[in-house]
Amino acid sequence: MTVAEDSIFWQRLARRINDRLRASRDNNIRFLWLDGLVPGSVTSQLDQNKVLATAFVTEGDGKSDTHYRVEMHLSTPATDAFRMGEWNKLLPSADSDRWLKVDRAAKKIDIACR
């Protein structure tokens, strides 16, 4: 795993998240936009099958940039893929919508990686 590969993975994941947000029927989250991760905020807790990060999320028609807590919940195969830097195995399917949960009140994004 290189820093560049790691960076590309998080950029691709942000695009997938933004695609799901825009496709949402829930007006409470449809207009949110994930701008990217706070540099240095990614912390892996692989013994608990999760990765934590903080993201910049634009709310309110671009008028505010808010920190959201991001939790990636990893299955055992996803944890192994994370350890091995097999980033393509971690990206959620583009046609699925069951991997993302946003709690705007709690400022939290949950991602399920199979």
PDB file of N, CA and C in Angstrom:
ATOM      1  N   MET A   1       0.849  -1.178   0.000  1.00  0.00           N
ATOM      2  CA  MET A   1       0.000   0.000   0.000  1.00  0.00           C
ATOM      3  C   MET A   1       0.891   1.236   0.000  1.00  0.00           C
ATOM      4  N   THR A   2       0.604   2.135  -0.905  1.00  0.00           N
ATOM      5  CA  THR A   2       1.334   3.401  -0.945  1.00  0.00           C
ATOM      6  C   THR A   2       0.397   4.527  -0.535  1.00  0.00           C
ATOM      7  N   VAL A   3       0.982   5.649  -0.196  1.00  0.00           N
ATOM      8  CA  VAL A   3       0.174   6.818   0.178  1.00  0.00           C
ATOM      9  C   VAL A   3      -0.712   7.233  -0.986  1.00  0.00           C
ATOM     10  N   ALA A   4      -0.188   7.156  -2.213  1.00  0.00           N
ATOM     11  CA  ALA A   4      -0.974   7.531  -3.398  1.00  0.00           C
ATOM     12  C   ALA A   4      -2.169   6.597  -3.570  1.00  0.00           C
ATOM     13  N   GLU A   5      -1.956   5.293  -3.411  1.00  0.00           N
ATOM     14  CA  GLU A   5      -3.067   4.344  -3.545  1.00  0.00           C
ATOM     15  C   GLU A   5      -4.118   4.590  -2.467  1.00  0.00           C
ATOM     16  N   ASP A   6      -3.678   4.852  -1.270  1.00  0.00           N
ATOM     17  CA  ASP A   6      -4.571   5.150  -0.158  1.00  0.00           C
ATOM     18  C   ASP A   6      -5.396   6.400  -0.482  1.00  0.00           C
ATOM     19  N   SER A   7      -4.753   7.429  -0.975  1.00  0.00           N
ATOM     20  CA  SER A   7      -5.428   8.679  -1.330  1.00  0.00           C
ATOM     21  C   SER A   7      -6.463   8.464  -2.436  1.00  0.00           C
ATOM     22  N   ILE A   8      -6.109   7.702  -3.444  1.00  0.00           N
ATOM     23  CA  ILE A   8      -7.032   7.417  -4.548  1.00  0.00           C
ATOM     24  C   ILE A   8      -8.256   6.661  -4.040  1.00  0.00           C
ATOM     25  N   PHE A   9      -8.059   5.711  -3.144  1.00  0.00           N
ATOM     26  CA  PHE A   9      -9.191   4.967  -2.582  1.00  0.00           C
ATOM     27  C   PHE A   9     -10.168   5.919  -1.896  1.00  0.00           C
ATOM     28  N   TRP A  10      -9.666   6.817  -1.042  1.00  0.00           N
ATOM     29  CA  TRP A  10     -10.553   7.722  -0.308  1.00  0.00           C
ATOM     30  C   TRP A  10     -11.258   8.685  -1.249  1.00  0.00           C
ATOM     31  N   GLN A  11     -10.590   9.104  -2.319  1.00  0.00           N
ATOM     32  CA  GLN A  11     -11.234   9.962  -3.317  1.00  0.00           C
ATOM     33  C   GLN A  11     -12.362   9.206  -4.020  1.00  0.00           C
ATOM     34  N   ARG A  12     -12.109   7.965  -4.391  1.00  0.00           N
ATOM     35  CA  ARG A  12     -13.151   7.155  -5.052  1.00  0.00           C
ATOM     36  C   ARG A  12     -14.315   6.895  -4.118  1.00  0.00           C
ATOM     37  N   LEU A  13     -14.010   6.614  -2.863  1.00  0.00           N
ATOM     38  CA  LEU A  13     -15.076   6.393  -1.889  1.00  0.00           C
ATOM     39  C   LEU A  13     -15.911   7.661  -1.719  1.00  0.00           C
ATOM     40  N   ALA A  14     -15.272   8.815  -1.669  1.00  0.00           N
ATOM     41  CA  ALA A  14     -16.008  10.082  -1.553  1.00  0.00           C
ATOM     42  C   ALA A  14     -16.938  10.271  -2.749  1.00  0.00           C
ATOM     43  N   ARG A  15     -16.463   9.932  -3.946  1.00  0.00           N
ATOM     44  CA  ARG A  15     -17.333  10.042  -5.138  1.00  0.00           C
ATOM     45  C   ARG A  15     -18.530   9.105  -5.026  1.00  0.00           C
ATOM     46  N   ARG A  16     -18.293   7.881  -4.548  1.00  0.00           N
ATOM     47  CA  ARG A  16     -19.418   6.938  -4.381  1.00  0.00           C
ATOM     48  C   ARG A  16     -20.420   7.468  -3.355  1.00  0.00           C
ATOM     49  N   ILE A  17     -19.908   8.015  -2.273  1.00  0.00           N
ATOM     50  CA  ILE A  17     -20.794   8.577  -1.248  1.00  0.00           C
ATOM     51  C   ILE A  17     -21.608   9.722  -1.842  1.00  0.00           C
ATOM     52  N   ASN A  18     -20.963  10.620  -2.562  1.00  0.00           N
ATOM     53  CA  ASN A  18     -21.679  11.754  -3.166  1.00  0.00           C
ATOM     54  C   ASN A  18     -22.713  11.289  -4.183  1.00  0.00           C
ATOM     55  N   ASP A  19     -22.395  10.250  -4.935  1.00  0.00           N
ATOM     56  CA  ASP A  19     -23.379   9.694  -5.881  1.00  0.00           C
ATOM     57  C   ASP A  19     -24.610   9.199  -5.134  1.00  0.00           C
ATOM     58  N   ARG A  20     -24.398   8.496  -4.009  1.00  0.00           N
ATOM     59  CA  ARG A  20     -25.525   7.964  -3.228  1.00  0.00           C
ATOM     60  C   ARG A  20     -26.313   9.110  -2.589  1.00  0.00           C
ATOM     61  N   LEU A  21     -25.624  10.132  -2.103  1.00  0.00           N
ATOM     62  CA  LEU A  21     -26.327  11.270  -1.503  1.00  0.00           C
ATOM     63  C   LEU A  21     -27.231  11.936  -2.523  1.00  0.00           C
ATOM     64  N   ARG A  22     -26.701  12.196  -3.708  1.00  0.00           N
ATOM     65  CA  ARG A  22     -27.500  12.859  -4.762  1.00  0.00           C
ATOM     66  C   ARG A  22     -28.677  11.996  -5.188  1.00  0.00           C
ATOM     67  N   ALA A  23     -28.539  10.679  -5.142  1.00  0.00           N
ATOM     68  CA  ALA A  23     -29.603   9.775  -5.575  1.00  0.00           C
ATOM     69  C   ALA A  23     -30.650   9.542  -4.487  1.00  0.00           C
ATOM     70  N   SER A  24     -30.392  10.019  -3.282  1.00  0.00           N
ATOM     71  CA  SER A  24     -31.299   9.772  -2.167  1.00  0.00           C
ATOM     72  C   SER A  24     -32.640  10.468  -2.385  1.00  0.00           C
ATOM     73  N   ARG A  25     -33.690   9.832  -1.912  1.00  0.00           N
ATOM     74  CA  ARG A  25     -35.024  10.443  -1.936  1.00  0.00           C
ATOM     75  C   ARG A  25     -35.266  11.283  -0.687  1.00  0.00           C
ATOM     76  N   ASP A  26     -34.330  11.191   0.250  1.00  0.00           N
ATOM     77  CA  ASP A  26     -34.440  11.917   1.514  1.00  0.00           C
ATOM     78  C   ASP A  26     -33.839  13.314   1.346  1.00  0.00           C
ATOM     79  N   ASN A  27     -34.697  14.328   1.337  1.00  0.00           N
ATOM     80  CA  ASN A  27     -34.226  15.705   1.164  1.00  0.00           C
ATOM     81  C   ASN A  27     -33.292  16.158   2.283  1.00  0.00           C
ATOM     82  N   ASN A  28     -33.341  15.482   3.418  1.00  0.00           N
ATOM     83  CA  ASN A  28     -32.478  15.832   4.534  1.00  0.00           C
ATOM     84  C   ASN A  28     -31.003  15.550   4.227  1.00  0.00           C
ATOM     85  N   ILE A  29     -30.737  14.570   3.347  1.00  0.00           N
ATOM     86  CA  ILE A  29     -29.341  14.246   3.031  1.00  0.00           C
ATOM     87  C   ILE A  29     -28.993  14.429   1.551  1.00  0.00           C
ATOM     88  N   ARG A  30     -29.997  14.547   0.692  1.00  0.00           N
ATOM     89  CA  ARG A  30     -29.743  14.623  -0.747  1.00  0.00           C
ATOM     90  C   ARG A  30     -28.843  15.793  -1.131  1.00  0.00           C
ATOM     91  N   PHE A  31     -28.888  16.868  -0.389  1.00  0.00           N
ATOM     92  CA  PHE A  31     -28.133  18.059  -0.762  1.00  0.00           C
ATOM     93  C   PHE A  31     -26.821  18.205   0.016  1.00  0.00           C
ATOM     94  N   LEU A  32     -26.440  17.160   0.745  1.00  0.00           N
ATOM     95  CA  LEU A  32     -25.136  17.147   1.397  1.00  0.00           C
ATOM     96  C   LEU A  32     -24.074  16.816   0.358  1.00  0.00           C
ATOM     97  N   TRP A  33     -22.846  17.219   0.636  1.00  0.00           N
ATOM     98  CA  TRP A  33     -21.732  16.937  -0.275  1.00  0.00           C
ATOM     99  C   TRP A  33     -20.489  16.676   0.557  1.00  0.00           C
ATOM    100  N   LEU A  34     -19.892  15.491   0.381  1.00  0.00           N
ATOM    101  CA  LEU A  34     -18.658  15.158   1.076  1.00  0.00           C
ATOM    102  C   LEU A  34     -17.491  15.733   0.279  1.00  0.00           C
ATOM    103  N   ASP A  35     -16.797  16.689   0.862  1.00  0.00           N
ATOM    104  CA  ASP A  35     -15.689  17.368   0.183  1.00  0.00           C
ATOM    105  C   ASP A  35     -14.393  16.569   0.258  1.00  0.00           C
ATOM    106  N   GLY A  36     -14.236  15.780   1.276  1.00  0.00           N
ATOM    107  CA  GLY A  36     -13.022  14.989   1.447  1.00  0.00           C
ATOM    108  C   GLY A  36     -12.777  14.733   2.917  1.00  0.00           C
ATOM    109  N   LEU A  37     -11.709  14.014   3.193  1.00  0.00           N
ATOM    110  CA  LEU A  37     -11.369  13.690   4.576  1.00  0.00           C
ATOM    111  C   LEU A  37     -10.452  14.745   5.171  1.00  0.00           C
ATOM    112  N   VAL A  38     -10.570  14.921   6.453  1.00  0.00           N
ATOM    113  CA  VAL A  38      -9.654  15.793   7.178  1.00  0.00           C
ATOM    114  C   VAL A  38      -8.288  15.102   7.161  1.00  0.00           C
ATOM    115  N   PRO A  39      -7.268  15.780   6.668  1.00  0.00           N
ATOM    116  CA  PRO A  39      -5.941  15.152   6.585  1.00  0.00           C
ATOM    117  C   PRO A  39      -5.487  14.595   7.936  1.00  0.00           C
ATOM    118  N   GLY A  40      -4.988  13.369   7.893  1.00  0.00           N
ATOM    119  CA  GLY A  40      -4.475  12.724   9.094  1.00  0.00           C
ATOM    120  C   GLY A  40      -5.533  12.165  10.024  1.00  0.00           C
ATOM    121  N   SER A  41      -6.795  12.154   9.605  1.00  0.00           N
ATOM    122  CA  SER A  41      -7.868  11.729  10.520  1.00  0.00           C
ATOM    123  C   SER A  41      -8.202  10.242  10.436  1.00  0.00           C
ATOM    124  N   VAL A  42      -7.659   9.534   9.467  1.00  0.00           N
ATOM    125  CA  VAL A  42      -7.989   8.111   9.304  1.00  0.00           C
ATOM    126  C   VAL A  42      -7.268   7.285  10.361  1.00  0.00           C
ATOM    127  N   THR A  43      -8.054   6.517  11.117  1.00  0.00           N
ATOM    128  CA  THR A  43      -7.524   5.644  12.149  1.00  0.00           C
ATOM    129  C   THR A  43      -8.130   4.259  11.963  1.00  0.00           C
ATOM    130  N   SER A  44      -7.272   3.270  11.778  1.00  0.00           N
ATOM    131  CA  SER A  44      -7.805   1.913  11.638  1.00  0.00           C
ATOM    132  C   SER A  44      -7.871   1.250  13.009  1.00  0.00           C
ATOM    133  N   GLN A  45      -8.969   0.574  13.236  1.00  0.00           N
ATOM    134  CA  GLN A  45      -9.176  -0.234  14.434  1.00  0.00           C
ATOM    135  C   GLN A  45      -9.553  -1.631  13.947  1.00  0.00           C
ATOM    136  N   LEU A  46      -8.601  -2.259  13.287  1.00  0.00           N
ATOM    137  CA  LEU A  46      -8.879  -3.530  12.615  1.00  0.00           C
ATOM    138  C   LEU A  46      -9.216  -4.646  13.591  1.00  0.00           C
ATOM    139  N   ASP A  47      -8.785  -4.543  14.834  1.00  0.00           N
ATOM    140  CA  ASP A  47      -9.173  -5.529  15.841  1.00  0.00           C
ATOM    141  C   ASP A  47     -10.669  -5.452  16.124  1.00  0.00           C
ATOM    142  N   GLN A  48     -11.281  -4.317  15.782  1.00  0.00           N
ATOM    143  CA  GLN A  48     -12.731  -4.133  15.943  1.00  0.00           C
ATOM    144  C   GLN A  48     -13.440  -4.096  14.587  1.00  0.00           C
ATOM    145  N   ASN A  49     -12.701  -4.415  13.517  1.00  0.00           N
ATOM    146  CA  ASN A  49     -13.234  -4.435  12.151  1.00  0.00           C
ATOM    147  C   ASN A  49     -13.848  -3.098  11.744  1.00  0.00           C
ATOM    148  N   LYS A  50     -13.109  -2.025  12.034  1.00  0.00           N
ATOM    149  CA  LYS A  50     -13.593  -0.726  11.578  1.00  0.00           C
ATOM    150  C   LYS A  50     -12.440   0.240  11.342  1.00  0.00           C
ATOM    151  N   VAL A  51     -12.765   1.260  10.561  1.00  0.00           N
ATOM    152  CA  VAL A  51     -11.849   2.354  10.271  1.00  0.00           C
ATOM    153  C   VAL A  51     -12.616   3.639  10.542  1.00  0.00           C
ATOM    154  N   LEU A  52     -11.984   4.555  11.255  1.00  0.00           N
ATOM    155  CA  LEU A  52     -12.615   5.822  11.608  1.00  0.00           C
ATOM    156  C   LEU A  52     -11.922   6.961  10.883  1.00  0.00           C
ATOM    157  N   ALA A  53     -12.681   7.984  10.564  1.00  0.00           N
ATOM    158  CA  ALA A  53     -12.121   9.178   9.922  1.00  0.00           C
ATOM    159  C   ALA A  53     -13.055  10.347  10.193  1.00  0.00           C
ATOM    160  N   THR A  54     -12.586  11.522   9.858  1.00  0.00           N
ATOM    161  CA  THR A  54     -13.402  12.728   9.916  1.00  0.00           C
ATOM    162  C   THR A  54     -13.450  13.306   8.513  1.00  0.00           C
ATOM    163  N   ALA A  55     -14.646  13.699   8.091  1.00  0.00           N
ATOM    164  CA  ALA A  55     -14.823  14.219   6.733  1.00  0.00           C
ATOM    165  C   ALA A  55     -15.377  15.638   6.784  1.00  0.00           C
ATOM    166  N   PHE A  56     -15.023  16.405   5.754  1.00  0.00           N
ATOM    167  CA  PHE A  56     -15.639  17.711   5.539  1.00  0.00           C
ATOM    168  C   PHE A  56     -16.906  17.477   4.728  1.00  0.00           C
ATOM    169  N   VAL A  57     -18.050  17.912   5.246  1.00  0.00           N
ATOM    170  CA  VAL A  57     -19.320  17.764   4.541  1.00  0.00           C
ATOM    171  C   VAL A  57     -19.948  19.146   4.407  1.00  0.00           C
ATOM    172  N   THR A  58     -20.328  19.493   3.179  1.00  0.00           N
ATOM    173  CA  THR A  58     -20.983  20.766   2.930  1.00  0.00           C
ATOM    174  C   THR A  58     -22.479  20.586   3.150  1.00  0.00           C
ATOM    175  N   GLU A  59     -23.035  21.479   3.939  1.00  0.00           N
ATOM    176  CA  GLU A  59     -24.468  21.479   4.224  1.00  0.00           C
ATOM    177  C   GLU A  59     -25.042  22.828   3.816  1.00  0.00           C
ATOM    178  N   GLY A  60     -26.346  22.928   3.758  1.00  0.00           N
ATOM    179  CA  GLY A  60     -27.036  24.201   3.588  1.00  0.00           C
ATOM    180  C   GLY A  60     -26.666  24.961   2.338  1.00  0.00           C
ATOM    181  N   ASP A  61     -26.833  24.326   1.182  1.00  0.00           N
ATOM    182  CA  ASP A  61     -26.566  24.980  -0.099  1.00  0.00           C
ATOM    183  C   ASP A  61     -25.147  25.533  -0.195  1.00  0.00           C
ATOM    184  N   GLY A  62     -24.197  24.819   0.411  1.00  0.00           N
ATOM    185  CA  GLY A  62     -22.798  25.220   0.319  1.00  0.00           C
ATOM    186  C   GLY A  62     -22.405  26.327   1.273  1.00  0.00           C
ATOM    187  N   LYS A  63     -23.289  26.670   2.193  1.00  0.00           N
ATOM    188  CA  LYS A  63     -23.013  27.780   3.095  1.00  0.00           C
ATOM    189  C   LYS A  63     -22.236  27.368   4.336  1.00  0.00           C
ATOM    190  N   SER A  64     -22.149  26.070   4.598  1.00  0.00           N
ATOM    191  CA  SER A  64     -21.403  25.642   5.780  1.00  0.00           C
ATOM    192  C   SER A  64     -20.645  24.353   5.487  1.00  0.00           C
ATOM    193  N   ASP A  65     -19.479  24.259   6.066  1.00  0.00           N
ATOM    194  CA  ASP A  65     -18.651  23.067   5.956  1.00  0.00           C
ATOM    195  C   ASP A  65     -18.535  22.487   7.358  1.00  0.00           C
ATOM    196  N   THR A  66     -19.023  21.276   7.533  1.00  0.00           N
ATOM    197  CA  THR A  66     -19.145  20.672   8.847  1.00  0.00           C
ATOM    198  C   THR A  66     -18.324  19.396   8.906  1.00  0.00           C
ATOM    199  N   HIS A  67     -17.804  19.084  10.080  1.00  0.00           N
ATOM    200  CA  HIS A  67     -17.104  17.817  10.274  1.00  0.00           C
ATOM    201  C   HIS A  67     -18.125  16.721  10.581  1.00  0.00           C
ATOM    202  N   TYR A  68     -18.004  15.617   9.863  1.00  0.00           N
ATOM    203  CA  TYR A  68     -18.802  14.423  10.119  1.00  0.00           C
ATOM    204  C   TYR A  68     -17.849  13.310  10.514  1.00  0.00           C
ATOM    205  N   ARG A  69     -18.277  12.491  11.439  1.00  0.00           N
ATOM    206  CA  ARG A  69     -17.517  11.300  11.827  1.00  0.00           C
ATOM    207  C   ARG A  69     -17.860  10.199  10.836  1.00  0.00           C
ATOM    208  N   VAL A  70     -16.855   9.555  10.277  1.00  0.00           N
ATOM    209  CA  VAL A  70     -17.053   8.469   9.323  1.00  0.00           C
ATOM    210  C   VAL A  70     -16.611   7.167   9.985  1.00  0.00           C
ATOM    211  N   GLU A  71     -17.484   6.158   9.925  1.00  0.00           N
ATOM    212  CA  GLU A  71     -17.146   4.830  10.432  1.00  0.00           C
ATOM    213  C   GLU A  71     -17.337   3.827   9.316  1.00  0.00           C
ATOM    214  N   MET A  72     -16.246   3.177   8.942  1.00  0.00           N
ATOM    215  CA  MET A  72     -16.325   2.070   7.985  1.00  0.00           C
ATOM    216  C   MET A  72     -16.380   0.789   8.796  1.00  0.00           C
ATOM    217  N   HIS A  73     -17.457   0.051   8.637  1.00  0.00           N
ATOM    218  CA  HIS A  73     -17.625  -1.224   9.320  1.00  0.00           C
ATOM    219  C   HIS A  73     -17.213  -2.317   8.341  1.00  0.00           C
ATOM    220  N   LEU A  74     -16.188  -3.070   8.708  1.00  0.00           N
ATOM    221  CA  LEU A  74     -15.591  -4.039   7.799  1.00  0.00           C
ATOM    222  C   LEU A  74     -15.988  -5.466   8.154  1.00  0.00           C
ATOM    223  N   SER A  75     -16.348  -6.226   7.131  1.00  0.00           N
ATOM    224  CA  SER A  75     -16.517  -7.663   7.319  1.00  0.00           C
ATOM    225  C   SER A  75     -15.111  -8.255   7.480  1.00  0.00           C
ATOM    226  N   THR A  76     -15.015  -9.529   7.827  1.00  0.00           N
ATOM    227  CA  THR A  76     -13.702 -10.164   7.948  1.00  0.00           C
ATOM    228  C   THR A  76     -12.930 -10.106   6.629  1.00  0.00           C
ATOM    229  N   PRO A  77     -13.563 -10.444   5.473  1.00  0.00           N
ATOM    230  CA  PRO A  77     -12.821 -10.311   4.215  1.00  0.00           C
ATOM    231  C   PRO A  77     -12.410  -8.865   3.912  1.00  0.00           C
ATOM    232  N   ALA A  78     -13.246  -7.894   4.275  1.00  0.00           N
ATOM    233  CA  ALA A  78     -12.907  -6.493   4.042  1.00  0.00           C
ATOM    234  C   ALA A  78     -11.753  -6.054   4.944  1.00  0.00           C
ATOM    235  N   THR A  79     -11.714  -6.557   6.161  1.00  0.00           N
ATOM    236  CA  THR A  79     -10.597  -6.252   7.057  1.00  0.00           C
ATOM    237  C   THR A  79      -9.297  -6.783   6.471  1.00  0.00           C
ATOM    238  N   ASP A  80      -9.346  -8.003   5.951  1.00  0.00           N
ATOM    239  CA  ASP A  80      -8.162  -8.581   5.302  1.00  0.00           C
ATOM    240  C   ASP A  80      -7.751  -7.765   4.083  1.00  0.00           C
ATOM    241  N   ALA A  81      -8.719  -7.326   3.291  1.00  0.00           N
ATOM    242  CA  ALA A  81      -8.433  -6.506   2.107  1.00  0.00           C
ATOM    243  C   ALA A  81      -7.805  -5.178   2.525  1.00  0.00           C
ATOM    244  N   PHE A  82      -8.294  -4.594   3.611  1.00  0.00           N
ATOM    245  CA  PHE A  82      -7.722  -3.337   4.102  1.00  0.00           C
ATOM    246  C   PHE A  82      -6.267  -3.546   4.504  1.00  0.00           C
ATOM    247  N   ARG A  83      -6.022  -4.623   5.241  1.00  0.00           N
ATOM    248  CA  ARG A  83      -4.643  -4.922   5.661  1.00  0.00           C
ATOM    249  C   ARG A  83      -3.706  -5.092   4.466  1.00  0.00           C
ATOM    250  N   MET A  84      -4.216  -5.686   3.396  1.00  0.00           N
ATOM    251  CA  MET A  84      -3.402  -5.986   2.215  1.00  0.00           C
ATOM    252  C   MET A  84      -3.366  -4.816   1.226  1.00  0.00           C
ATOM    253  N   GLY A  85      -4.130  -3.770   1.497  1.00  0.00           N
ATOM    254  CA  GLY A  85      -4.164  -2.628   0.581  1.00  0.00           C
ATOM    255  C   GLY A  85      -4.883  -2.947  -0.717  1.00  0.00           C
ATOM    256  N   GLU A  86      -5.826  -3.882  -0.665  1.00  0.00           N
ATOM    257  CA  GLU A  86      -6.614  -4.263  -1.847  1.00  0.00           C
ATOM    258  C   GLU A  86      -7.848  -3.368  -1.900  1.00  0.00           C
ATOM    259  N   TRP A  87      -7.610  -2.134  -2.316  1.00  0.00           N
ATOM    260  CA  TRP A  87      -8.617  -1.085  -2.221  1.00  0.00           C
ATOM    261  C   TRP A  87      -9.863  -1.353  -3.051  1.00  0.00           C
ATOM    262  N   ASN A  88      -9.728  -1.944  -4.225  1.00  0.00           N
ATOM    263  CA  ASN A  88     -10.903  -2.187  -5.076  1.00  0.00           C
ATOM    264  C   ASN A  88     -11.903  -3.125  -4.408  1.00  0.00           C
ATOM    265  N   LYS A  89     -11.430  -3.986  -3.534  1.00  0.00           N
ATOM    266  CA  LYS A  89     -12.342  -4.891  -2.824  1.00  0.00           C
ATOM    267  C   LYS A  89     -13.150  -4.166  -1.756  1.00  0.00           C
ATOM    268  N   LEU A  90     -12.707  -2.976  -1.373  1.00  0.00           N
ATOM    269  CA  LEU A  90     -13.389  -2.227  -0.316  1.00  0.00           C
ATOM    270  C   LEU A  90     -14.443  -1.270  -0.834  1.00  0.00           C
ATOM    271  N   LEU A  91     -14.329  -0.877  -2.092  1.00  0.00           N
ATOM    272  CA  LEU A  91     -15.300   0.074  -2.633  1.00  0.00           C
ATOM    273  C   LEU A  91     -16.676  -0.576  -2.746  1.00  0.00           C
ATOM    274  N   PRO A  92     -17.701   0.089  -2.243  1.00  0.00           N
ATOM    275  CA  PRO A  92     -19.055  -0.453  -2.363  1.00  0.00           C
ATOM    276  C   PRO A  92     -19.491  -0.481  -3.823  1.00  0.00           C
ATOM    277  N   SER A  93     -20.379  -1.375  -4.128  1.00  0.00           N
ATOM    278  CA  SER A  93     -20.914  -1.490  -5.477  1.00  0.00           C
ATOM    279  C   SER A  93     -21.634  -0.192  -5.853  1.00  0.00           C
ATOM    280  N   ALA A  94     -21.380   0.271  -7.058  1.00  0.00           N
ATOM    281  CA  ALA A  94     -21.982   1.521  -7.526  1.00  0.00           C
ATOM    282  C   ALA A  94     -23.502   1.435  -7.634  1.00  0.00           C
ATOM    283  N   ASP A  95     -24.032   0.231  -7.829  1.00  0.00           N
ATOM    284  CA  ASP A  95     -25.479   0.089  -8.003  1.00  0.00           C
ATOM    285  C   ASP A  95     -26.223  -0.282  -6.717  1.00  0.00           C
ATOM    286  N   SER A  96     -25.522  -0.353  -5.620  1.00  0.00           N
ATOM    287  CA  SER A  96     -26.145  -0.689  -4.344  1.00  0.00           C
ATOM    288  C   SER A  96     -26.330   0.576  -3.513  1.00  0.00           C
ATOM    289  N   ASP A  97     -27.392   0.586  -2.709  1.00  0.00           N
ATOM    290  CA  ASP A  97     -27.598   1.726  -1.824  1.00  0.00           C
ATOM    291  C   ASP A  97     -27.672   1.305  -0.362  1.00  0.00           C
ATOM    292  N   ARG A  98     -27.360   0.054  -0.083  1.00  0.00           N
ATOM    293  CA  ARG A  98     -27.500  -0.461   1.278  1.00  0.00           C
ATOM    294  C   ARG A  98     -26.230  -0.326   2.118  1.00  0.00           C
ATOM    295  N   TRP A  99     -25.199   0.248   1.591  1.00  0.00           N
ATOM    296  CA  TRP A  99     -23.917   0.322   2.285  1.00  0.00           C
ATOM    297  C   TRP A  99     -23.704   1.654   3.011  1.00  0.00           C
ATOM    298  N   LEU A 100     -24.585   2.627   2.782  1.00  0.00           N
ATOM    299  CA  LEU A 100     -24.379   3.970   3.323  1.00  0.00           C
ATOM    300  C   LEU A 100     -25.540   4.382   4.221  1.00  0.00           C
ATOM    301  N   LYS A 101     -25.188   4.915   5.391  1.00  0.00           N
ATOM    302  CA  LYS A 101     -26.187   5.451   6.307  1.00  0.00           C
ATOM    303  C   LYS A 101     -25.663   6.791   6.819  1.00  0.00           C
ATOM    304  N   VAL A 102     -26.485   7.813   6.701  1.00  0.00           N
ATOM    305  CA  VAL A 102     -26.099   9.148   7.132  1.00  0.00           C
ATOM    306  C   VAL A 102     -27.045   9.602   8.236  1.00  0.00           C
ATOM    307  N   ASP A 103     -26.471  10.030   9.344  1.00  0.00           N
ATOM    308  CA  ASP A 103     -27.247  10.592  10.449  1.00  0.00           C
ATOM    309  C   ASP A 103     -26.836  12.059  10.565  1.00  0.00           C
ATOM    310  N   ARG A 104     -27.634  12.922   9.983  1.00  0.00           N
ATOM    311  CA  ARG A 104     -27.290  14.339   9.924  1.00  0.00           C
ATOM    312  C   ARG A 104     -27.294  14.979  11.309  1.00  0.00           C
ATOM    313  N   ALA A 105     -28.228  14.583  12.157  1.00  0.00           N
ATOM    314  CA  ALA A 105     -28.302  15.157  13.502  1.00  0.00           C
ATOM    315  C   ALA A 105     -27.046  14.819  14.309  1.00  0.00           C
ATOM    316  N   ALA A 106     -26.566  13.588  14.166  1.00  0.00           N
ATOM    317  CA  ALA A 106     -25.364  13.152  14.898  1.00  0.00           C
ATOM    318  C   ALA A 106     -24.076  13.484  14.153  1.00  0.00           C
ATOM    319  N   LYS A 107     -24.205  14.010  12.899  1.00  0.00           N
ATOM    320  CA  LYS A 107     -23.034  14.319  12.062  1.00  0.00           C
ATOM    321  C   LYS A 107     -22.163  13.075  11.894  1.00  0.00           C
ATOM    322  N   LYS A 108     -22.825  12.001  11.404  1.00  0.00           N
ATOM    323  CA  LYS A 108     -22.135  10.716  11.300  1.00  0.00           C
ATOM    324  C   LYS A 108     -22.491  10.027   9.981  1.00  0.00           C
ATOM    325  N   ILE A 109     -21.491   9.388   9.388  1.00  0.00           N
ATOM    326  CA  ILE A 109     -21.667   8.586   8.177  1.00  0.00           C
ATOM    327  C   ILE A 109     -21.170   7.182   8.486  1.00  0.00           C
ATOM    328  N   ASP A 110     -22.035   6.193   8.272  1.00  0.00           N
ATOM    329  CA  ASP A 110     -21.657   4.789   8.434  1.00  0.00           C
ATOM    330  C   ASP A 110     -21.569   4.139   7.074  1.00  0.00           C
ATOM    331  N   ILE A 111     -20.508   3.379   6.871  1.00  0.00           N
ATOM    332  CA  ILE A 111     -20.272   2.679   5.613  1.00  0.00           C
ATOM    333  C   ILE A 111     -20.065   1.204   5.937  1.00  0.00           C
ATOM    334  N   ALA A 112     -20.829   0.345   5.268  1.00  0.00           N
ATOM    335  CA  ALA A 112     -20.675  -1.096   5.455  1.00  0.00           C
ATOM    336  C   ALA A 112     -19.869  -1.667   4.283  1.00  0.00           C
ATOM    337  N   CYS A 113     -18.717  -2.215   4.588  1.00  0.00           N
ATOM    338  CA  CYS A 113     -17.861  -2.828   3.567  1.00  0.00           C
ATOM    339  C   CYS A 113     -17.909  -4.332   3.735  1.00  0.00           C
ATOM    340  N   ARG A 114     -18.350  -5.005   2.685  1.00  0.00           N
ATOM    341  CA  ARG A 114     -18.476  -6.462   2.700  1.00  0.00           C
ATOM    342  C   ARG A 114     -17.211  -7.048   2.197  1.00  0.00           C
TER     343      ARG A 114
END
